[in-house]
């Protein structure tokens, strides 16, 4: 089990959407993050990439399709369009610009949550990662962000989980210190290799059968780490 819940950024200028969708996302096990304008949303994505974005097209400061295009320049996660625009051309434009799905307002929360789950699974597969990874008795569910051993939850901190997910997604390949530090802590920490070593040590204590003889997370001296699970 991880203390972290998948972060879903909702970019919409309608307060009633946030009042309705925020609690629904929370009840479904997500952490809703609110942005009322395109500028706020893009800033939030850059600050800490969410697990998925729900984006309205009718924003007050920038057309949603322009915001989508800007987001796709640096964000690879799922983006679901939520809009009252029902013209086929609008849907085609949004999908061509990189949206993963298009949900029309008014919408049912059950349908939106289902589409969100599908988008998260598809994105993982596109990145070459299976949604559920197993290594012996260890199971890592990359959609639900759950880690268990023999069915029992393992409690990870948000950073520990993000670090593990980065390694698992690059299974068999060396993931460099810089790649891990940038992905998990941000560009400002790309040189903090000792900091990374501490977290890898903590992670090994929780998931390795024998932390003194790592069999899942292999150190590549001077370069990075490799997931062998």
C-alpha atoms as a PDB file:
ATOM      1  CA  UNK A   1       0.000   0.000   0.000  1.00  0.00           C
ATOM      2  CA  UNK A   2       1.176   3.503  -0.735  1.00  0.00           C
ATOM      3  CA  UNK A   3       0.208   6.739   0.957  1.00  0.00           C
ATOM      4  CA  UNK A   4       0.090   8.292  -2.478  1.00  0.00           C
ATOM      5  CA  UNK A   5      -3.135   8.544  -4.452  1.00  0.00           C
ATOM      6  CA  UNK A   6      -3.041   9.162  -8.213  1.00  0.00           C
ATOM      7  CA  UNK A   7      -3.214  12.924  -8.825  1.00  0.00           C
ATOM      8  CA  UNK A   8      -5.860  14.018 -11.312  1.00  0.00           C
ATOM      9  CA  UNK A   9      -5.636  17.649 -12.412  1.00  0.00           C
ATOM     10  CA  UNK A  10      -9.006  19.126 -13.374  1.00  0.00           C
ATOM     11  CA  UNK A  11      -8.672  22.295 -15.472  1.00  0.00           C
ATOM     12  CA  UNK A  12     -12.117  23.907 -15.672  1.00  0.00           C
ATOM     13  CA  UNK A  13     -13.472  27.376 -14.929  1.00  0.00           C
ATOM     14  CA  UNK A  14     -16.893  26.165 -13.732  1.00  0.00           C
ATOM     15  CA  UNK A  15     -16.992  25.983  -9.911  1.00  0.00           C
ATOM     16  CA  UNK A  16     -19.865  23.486 -10.045  1.00  0.00           C
ATOM     17  CA  UNK A  17     -17.702  21.041 -12.004  1.00  0.00           C
ATOM     18  CA  UNK A  18     -15.064  21.119  -9.252  1.00  0.00           C
ATOM     19  CA  UNK A  19     -17.718  20.800  -6.535  1.00  0.00           C
ATOM     20  CA  UNK A  20     -19.139  17.744  -8.282  1.00  0.00           C
ATOM     21  CA  UNK A  21     -16.046  16.098  -9.738  1.00  0.00           C
ATOM     22  CA  UNK A  22     -13.632  16.728  -6.847  1.00  0.00           C
ATOM     23  CA  UNK A  23     -15.523  14.601  -4.280  1.00  0.00           C
ATOM     24  CA  UNK A  24     -16.214  11.927  -6.919  1.00  0.00           C
ATOM     25  CA  UNK A  25     -12.517  11.593  -7.724  1.00  0.00           C
ATOM     26  CA  UNK A  26     -11.665  11.582  -4.023  1.00  0.00           C
ATOM     27  CA  UNK A  27     -14.180   8.804  -3.335  1.00  0.00           C
ATOM     28  CA  UNK A  28     -12.718   6.779  -6.215  1.00  0.00           C
ATOM     29  CA  UNK A  29      -9.261   6.876  -4.637  1.00  0.00           C
ATOM     30  CA  UNK A  30      -7.742   9.784  -6.559  1.00  0.00           C
ATOM     31  CA  UNK A  31      -6.336  13.094  -5.360  1.00  0.00           C
ATOM     32  CA  UNK A  32      -8.160  15.862  -7.258  1.00  0.00           C
ATOM     33  CA  UNK A  33      -6.136  18.978  -8.054  1.00  0.00           C
ATOM     34  CA  UNK A  34      -7.987  22.113  -9.152  1.00  0.00           C
ATOM     35  CA  UNK A  35      -7.075  24.711 -11.759  1.00  0.00           C
ATOM     36  CA  UNK A  36      -9.538  27.354 -12.983  1.00  0.00           C
ATOM     37  CA  UNK A  37      -7.549  28.631 -15.960  1.00  0.00           C
ATOM     38  CA  UNK A  38      -5.232  27.276 -18.631  1.00  0.00           C
ATOM     39  CA  UNK A  39      -2.331  29.221 -17.137  1.00  0.00           C
ATOM     40  CA  UNK A  40      -2.897  27.676 -13.692  1.00  0.00           C
ATOM     41  CA  UNK A  41      -3.235  24.222 -15.197  1.00  0.00           C
ATOM     42  CA  UNK A  42      -0.075  24.425 -17.294  1.00  0.00           C
ATOM     43  CA  UNK A  43       1.839  25.755 -14.300  1.00  0.00           C
ATOM     44  CA  UNK A  44       0.601  22.861 -12.156  1.00  0.00           C
ATOM     45  CA  UNK A  45       1.590  20.290 -14.793  1.00  0.00           C
ATOM     46  CA  UNK A  46       5.080  21.789 -14.974  1.00  0.00           C
ATOM     47  CA  UNK A  47       5.384  21.959 -11.178  1.00  0.00           C
ATOM     48  CA  UNK A  48       4.508  18.306 -10.591  1.00  0.00           C
ATOM     49  CA  UNK A  49       3.199  16.178 -13.420  1.00  0.00           C
ATOM     50  CA  UNK A  50      -0.175  14.675 -12.484  1.00  0.00           C
ATOM     51  CA  UNK A  51      -1.121  11.105 -13.305  1.00  0.00           C
ATOM     52  CA  UNK A  52      -3.820  12.400 -15.654  1.00  0.00           C
ATOM     53  CA  UNK A  53      -5.448  15.668 -16.724  1.00  0.00           C
ATOM     54  CA  UNK A  54      -9.133  16.439 -17.268  1.00  0.00           C
ATOM     55  CA  UNK A  55      -9.257  19.530 -19.480  1.00  0.00           C
ATOM     56  CA  UNK A  56     -12.190  21.764 -20.393  1.00  0.00           C
ATOM     57  CA  UNK A  57     -12.075  23.416 -23.820  1.00  0.00           C
ATOM     58  CA  UNK A  58     -13.948  26.584 -22.819  1.00  0.00           C
ATOM     59  CA  UNK A  59     -11.374  28.256 -20.582  1.00  0.00           C
ATOM     60  CA  UNK A  60     -11.405  32.020 -19.910  1.00  0.00           C
ATOM     61  CA  UNK A  61      -7.763  32.807 -20.720  1.00  0.00           C
ATOM     62  CA  UNK A  62      -6.886  30.382 -23.525  1.00  0.00           C
ATOM     63  CA  UNK A  63      -8.843  28.050 -25.776  1.00  0.00           C
ATOM     64  CA  UNK A  64      -8.649  24.516 -24.455  1.00  0.00           C
ATOM     65  CA  UNK A  65      -7.218  23.172 -27.701  1.00  0.00           C
ATOM     66  CA  UNK A  66      -4.352  25.657 -27.467  1.00  0.00           C
ATOM     67  CA  UNK A  67      -3.820  24.615 -23.843  1.00  0.00           C
ATOM     68  CA  UNK A  68      -3.818  20.971 -24.938  1.00  0.00           C
ATOM     69  CA  UNK A  69      -1.166  21.688 -27.544  1.00  0.00           C
ATOM     70  CA  UNK A  70       1.009  23.528 -25.014  1.00  0.00           C
ATOM     71  CA  UNK A  71       0.633  20.713 -22.461  1.00  0.00           C
ATOM     72  CA  UNK A  72       1.601  18.064 -24.988  1.00  0.00           C
ATOM     73  CA  UNK A  73       4.908  19.854 -25.561  1.00  0.00           C
ATOM     74  CA  UNK A  74       6.130  18.633 -22.153  1.00  0.00           C
ATOM     75  CA  UNK A  75       3.526  16.277 -20.651  1.00  0.00           C
ATOM     76  CA  UNK A  76       3.084  12.656 -21.758  1.00  0.00           C
ATOM     77  CA  UNK A  77       0.347  11.542 -19.366  1.00  0.00           C
ATOM     78  CA  UNK A  78      -3.310  10.966 -20.233  1.00  0.00           C
ATOM     79  CA  UNK A  79      -5.416  14.023 -21.093  1.00  0.00           C
ATOM     80  CA  UNK A  80      -9.198  13.684 -21.189  1.00  0.00           C
ATOM     81  CA  UNK A  81     -11.198  16.499 -22.735  1.00  0.00           C
ATOM     82  CA  UNK A  82     -14.338  17.508 -20.869  1.00  0.00           C
ATOM     83  CA  UNK A  83     -16.421  19.905 -22.942  1.00  0.00           C
ATOM     84  CA  UNK A  84     -19.895  21.092 -23.886  1.00  0.00           C
ATOM     85  CA  UNK A  85     -18.737  21.344 -27.509  1.00  0.00           C
ATOM     86  CA  UNK A  86     -20.390  18.437 -29.295  1.00  0.00           C
ATOM     87  CA  UNK A  87     -19.368  19.066 -32.894  1.00  0.00           C
ATOM     88  CA  UNK A  88     -17.528  16.176 -34.483  1.00  0.00           C
ATOM     89  CA  UNK A  89     -14.849  18.558 -35.779  1.00  0.00           C
ATOM     90  CA  UNK A  90     -14.046  19.695 -32.234  1.00  0.00           C
ATOM     91  CA  UNK A  91     -13.566  16.099 -31.111  1.00  0.00           C
ATOM     92  CA  UNK A  92     -11.372  15.283 -34.096  1.00  0.00           C
ATOM     93  CA  UNK A  93      -9.221  18.377 -33.539  1.00  0.00           C
ATOM     94  CA  UNK A  94      -8.731  17.569 -29.844  1.00  0.00           C
ATOM     95  CA  UNK A  95      -7.829  13.926 -30.520  1.00  0.00           C
ATOM     96  CA  UNK A  96      -5.436  14.943 -33.289  1.00  0.00           C
ATOM     97  CA  UNK A  97      -3.745  17.368 -30.878  1.00  0.00           C
ATOM     98  CA  UNK A  98      -3.026  14.535 -28.457  1.00  0.00           C
ATOM     99  CA  UNK A  99      -6.095  14.064 -26.265  1.00  0.00           C
ATOM    100  CA  UNK A 100      -6.657  10.498 -25.098  1.00  0.00           C
ATOM    101  CA  UNK A 101     -10.437  10.775 -24.931  1.00  0.00           C
ATOM    102  CA  UNK A 102     -13.321  13.247 -25.221  1.00  0.00           C
ATOM    103  CA  UNK A 103     -16.236  13.373 -22.790  1.00  0.00           C
ATOM    104  CA  UNK A 104     -19.211  15.651 -23.472  1.00  0.00           C
ATOM    105  CA  UNK A 105     -20.931  17.763 -20.830  1.00  0.00           C
ATOM    106  CA  UNK A 106     -23.249  16.902 -19.188  1.00  0.00           C
ATOM    107  CA  UNK A 107     -21.561  13.664 -18.238  1.00  0.00           C
ATOM    108  CA  UNK A 108     -22.000  10.746 -15.872  1.00  0.00           C
ATOM    109  CA  UNK A 109     -19.269  10.415 -13.266  1.00  0.00           C
ATOM    110  CA  UNK A 110     -19.193   6.636 -13.664  1.00  0.00           C
ATOM    111  CA  UNK A 111     -18.445   6.953 -17.354  1.00  0.00           C
ATOM    112  CA  UNK A 112     -15.735   9.564 -16.759  1.00  0.00           C
ATOM    113  CA  UNK A 113     -14.013   7.400 -14.126  1.00  0.00           C
ATOM    114  CA  UNK A 114     -14.145   4.371 -16.435  1.00  0.00           C
ATOM    115  CA  UNK A 115     -12.613   6.371 -19.304  1.00  0.00           C
ATOM    116  CA  UNK A 116      -9.957   7.654 -16.923  1.00  0.00           C
ATOM    117  CA  UNK A 117      -8.991   4.120 -15.894  1.00  0.00           C
ATOM    118  CA  UNK A 118      -8.786   3.048 -19.540  1.00  0.00           C
ATOM    119  CA  UNK A 119      -6.610   6.037 -20.434  1.00  0.00           C
ATOM    120  CA  UNK A 120      -4.230   5.281 -17.561  1.00  0.00           C
ATOM    121  CA  UNK A 121      -3.912   1.643 -18.634  1.00  0.00           C
ATOM    122  CA  UNK A 122      -3.383   2.536 -22.289  1.00  0.00           C
ATOM    123  CA  UNK A 123      -0.704   5.077 -21.461  1.00  0.00           C
ATOM    124  CA  UNK A 124       1.227   2.515 -19.455  1.00  0.00           C
ATOM    125  CA  UNK A 125       1.088   0.040 -22.342  1.00  0.00           C
ATOM    126  CA  UNK A 126       2.212   2.744 -24.761  1.00  0.00           C
ATOM    127  CA  UNK A 127       5.216   3.313 -22.531  1.00  0.00           C
ATOM    128  CA  UNK A 128       6.046  -0.380 -22.730  1.00  0.00           C
ATOM    129  CA  UNK A 129       4.958  -1.185 -19.187  1.00  0.00           C
ATOM    130  CA  UNK A 130       2.371  -3.736 -18.130  1.00  0.00           C
ATOM    131  CA  UNK A 131      -0.315  -2.288 -15.854  1.00  0.00           C
ATOM    132  CA  UNK A 132       0.419  -5.043 -13.331  1.00  0.00           C
ATOM    133  CA  UNK A 133       3.990  -6.268 -12.779  1.00  0.00           C
ATOM    134  CA  UNK A 134       4.916  -9.301 -10.707  1.00  0.00           C
ATOM    135  CA  UNK A 135       8.262 -10.433  -9.311  1.00  0.00           C
ATOM    136  CA  UNK A 136       7.886 -13.575  -7.239  1.00  0.00           C
ATOM    137  CA  UNK A 137       5.405 -12.754  -4.482  1.00  0.00           C
ATOM    138  CA  UNK A 138       5.708  -9.013  -5.175  1.00  0.00           C
ATOM    139  CA  UNK A 139       2.944  -7.376  -7.234  1.00  0.00           C
ATOM    140  CA  UNK A 140       3.014  -3.770  -8.475  1.00  0.00           C
ATOM    141  CA  UNK A 141      -0.213  -2.336  -9.881  1.00  0.00           C
ATOM    142  CA  UNK A 142       0.824   0.771 -11.835  1.00  0.00           C
ATOM    143  CA  UNK A 143      -2.753   1.934 -12.400  1.00  0.00           C
ATOM    144  CA  UNK A 144      -3.939   1.636  -8.786  1.00  0.00           C
ATOM    145  CA  UNK A 145      -0.458   2.482  -7.433  1.00  0.00           C
ATOM    146  CA  UNK A 146      -0.574  -0.515  -5.115  1.00  0.00           C
ATOM    147  CA  UNK A 147       2.358  -2.683  -4.056  1.00  0.00           C
ATOM    148  CA  UNK A 148       1.745  -6.009  -2.310  1.00  0.00           C
ATOM    149  CA  UNK A 149       3.715  -9.091  -1.282  1.00  0.00           C
ATOM    150  CA  UNK A 150       1.741 -12.340  -1.164  1.00  0.00           C
ATOM    151  CA  UNK A 151      -1.400 -10.220  -1.145  1.00  0.00           C
ATOM    152  CA  UNK A 152      -0.310  -8.094   1.821  1.00  0.00           C
ATOM    153  CA  UNK A 153       0.090  -4.337   1.193  1.00  0.00           C
ATOM    154  CA  UNK A 154       3.534  -2.759   1.419  1.00  0.00           C
ATOM    155  CA  UNK A 155       3.395   0.844   2.592  1.00  0.00           C
ATOM    156  CA  UNK A 156       5.558   3.138   0.485  1.00  0.00           C
ATOM    157  CA  UNK A 157       5.998   6.877   0.683  1.00  0.00           C
ATOM    158  CA  UNK A 158       4.987   8.871  -2.427  1.00  0.00           C
ATOM    159  CA  UNK A 159       8.647   9.313  -3.454  1.00  0.00           C
ATOM    160  CA  UNK A 160       9.450   5.650  -2.885  1.00  0.00           C
ATOM    161  CA  UNK A 161       6.534   4.600  -5.039  1.00  0.00           C
ATOM    162  CA  UNK A 162       7.392   7.051  -7.826  1.00  0.00           C
ATOM    163  CA  UNK A 163      10.982   5.817  -7.799  1.00  0.00           C
ATOM    164  CA  UNK A 164       9.844   2.191  -7.995  1.00  0.00           C
ATOM    165  CA  UNK A 165       7.438   2.981 -10.839  1.00  0.00           C
ATOM    166  CA  UNK A 166      10.183   4.666 -12.859  1.00  0.00           C
ATOM    167  CA  UNK A 167      12.423   1.627 -12.458  1.00  0.00           C
ATOM    168  CA  UNK A 168       9.658  -0.839 -13.301  1.00  0.00           C
ATOM    169  CA  UNK A 169       8.665   1.068 -16.437  1.00  0.00           C
ATOM    170  CA  UNK A 170      12.253   0.794 -17.644  1.00  0.00           C
ATOM    171  CA  UNK A 171      12.437  -2.931 -16.804  1.00  0.00           C
ATOM    172  CA  UNK A 172      15.698  -4.489 -17.958  1.00  0.00           C
ATOM    173  CA  UNK A 173      17.191  -1.155 -18.961  1.00  0.00           C
ATOM    174  CA  UNK A 174      19.536   1.078 -17.023  1.00  0.00           C
ATOM    175  CA  UNK A 175      17.717   4.155 -15.747  1.00  0.00           C
ATOM    176  CA  UNK A 176      20.302   6.838 -15.071  1.00  0.00           C
ATOM    177  CA  UNK A 177      20.662   8.822 -11.868  1.00  0.00           C
ATOM    178  CA  UNK A 178      19.709  11.962 -13.744  1.00  0.00           C
ATOM    179  CA  UNK A 179      16.597  10.398 -15.292  1.00  0.00           C
ATOM    180  CA  UNK A 180      15.374   9.173 -11.917  1.00  0.00           C
ATOM    181  CA  UNK A 181      16.101  12.394 -10.060  1.00  0.00           C
ATOM    182  CA  UNK A 182      14.452  14.546 -12.728  1.00  0.00           C
ATOM    183  CA  UNK A 183      11.371  12.338 -13.007  1.00  0.00           C
ATOM    184  CA  UNK A 184      10.779  11.915  -9.269  1.00  0.00           C
ATOM    185  CA  UNK A 185      12.109  15.136  -7.714  1.00  0.00           C
ATOM    186  CA  UNK A 186      12.302  17.560 -10.650  1.00  0.00           C
ATOM    187  CA  UNK A 187      15.100  19.173 -12.679  1.00  0.00           C
ATOM    188  CA  UNK A 188      16.419  21.149  -9.699  1.00  0.00           C
ATOM    189  CA  UNK A 189      17.548  17.866  -8.070  1.00  0.00           C
ATOM    190  CA  UNK A 190      19.197  16.159 -11.039  1.00  0.00           C
ATOM    191  CA  UNK A 191      22.617  16.213  -9.325  1.00  0.00           C
ATOM    192  CA  UNK A 192      21.484  14.894  -5.915  1.00  0.00           C
ATOM    193  CA  UNK A 193      22.834  11.373  -6.413  1.00  0.00           C
ATOM    194  CA  UNK A 194      23.421  10.743  -2.703  1.00  0.00           C
ATOM    195  CA  UNK A 195      19.802  11.661  -2.028  1.00  0.00           C
ATOM    196  CA  UNK A 196      18.768   9.054  -4.605  1.00  0.00           C
ATOM    197  CA  UNK A 197      20.960   6.395  -2.998  1.00  0.00           C
ATOM    198  CA  UNK A 198      19.214   6.936   0.328  1.00  0.00           C
ATOM    199  CA  UNK A 199      15.795   6.395  -1.231  1.00  0.00           C
ATOM    200  CA  UNK A 200      16.921   3.328  -3.176  1.00  0.00           C
ATOM    201  CA  UNK A 201      18.206   1.894   0.119  1.00  0.00           C
ATOM    202  CA  UNK A 202      14.857   2.559   1.805  1.00  0.00           C
ATOM    203  CA  UNK A 203      12.994   0.999  -1.107  1.00  0.00           C
ATOM    204  CA  UNK A 204      15.179  -2.115  -1.017  1.00  0.00           C
ATOM    205  CA  UNK A 205      14.472  -2.557   2.692  1.00  0.00           C
ATOM    206  CA  UNK A 206      10.757  -2.718   1.890  1.00  0.00           C
ATOM    207  CA  UNK A 207      10.617  -4.827  -1.275  1.00  0.00           C
ATOM    208  CA  UNK A 208      13.789  -6.936  -1.560  1.00  0.00           C
ATOM    209  CA  UNK A 209      13.676 -10.498  -0.141  1.00  0.00           C
ATOM    210  CA  UNK A 210      17.228  -9.856   1.144  1.00  0.00           C
ATOM    211  CA  UNK A 211      18.105  -6.129   1.088  1.00  0.00           C
ATOM    212  CA  UNK A 212      21.801  -6.924   1.647  1.00  0.00           C
ATOM    213  CA  UNK A 213      21.805  -8.914  -1.621  1.00  0.00           C
ATOM    214  CA  UNK A 214      19.506  -6.971  -3.964  1.00  0.00           C
ATOM    215  CA  UNK A 215      17.816  -9.160  -6.550  1.00  0.00           C
ATOM    216  CA  UNK A 216      15.216  -6.705  -7.872  1.00  0.00           C
ATOM    217  CA  UNK A 217      16.982  -3.325  -8.031  1.00  0.00           C
ATOM    218  CA  UNK A 218      20.499  -3.683  -9.422  1.00  0.00           C
ATOM    219  CA  UNK A 219      23.070  -0.902  -9.043  1.00  0.00           C
ATOM    220  CA  UNK A 220      24.945   0.123 -12.200  1.00  0.00           C
ATOM    221  CA  UNK A 221      27.968   1.855 -10.588  1.00  0.00           C
ATOM    222  CA  UNK A 222      28.363   5.462 -11.624  1.00  0.00           C
ATOM    223  CA  UNK A 223      25.389   5.281 -13.998  1.00  0.00           C
ATOM    224  CA  UNK A 224      22.086   4.393 -12.343  1.00  0.00           C
ATOM    225  CA  UNK A 225      19.847   1.431 -11.521  1.00  0.00           C
ATOM    226  CA  UNK A 226      18.176  -1.451 -13.326  1.00  0.00           C
ATOM    227  CA  UNK A 227      14.957  -3.293 -12.452  1.00  0.00           C
ATOM    228  CA  UNK A 228      15.421  -7.055 -12.726  1.00  0.00           C
ATOM    229  CA  UNK A 229      12.133  -8.176 -11.231  1.00  0.00           C
END
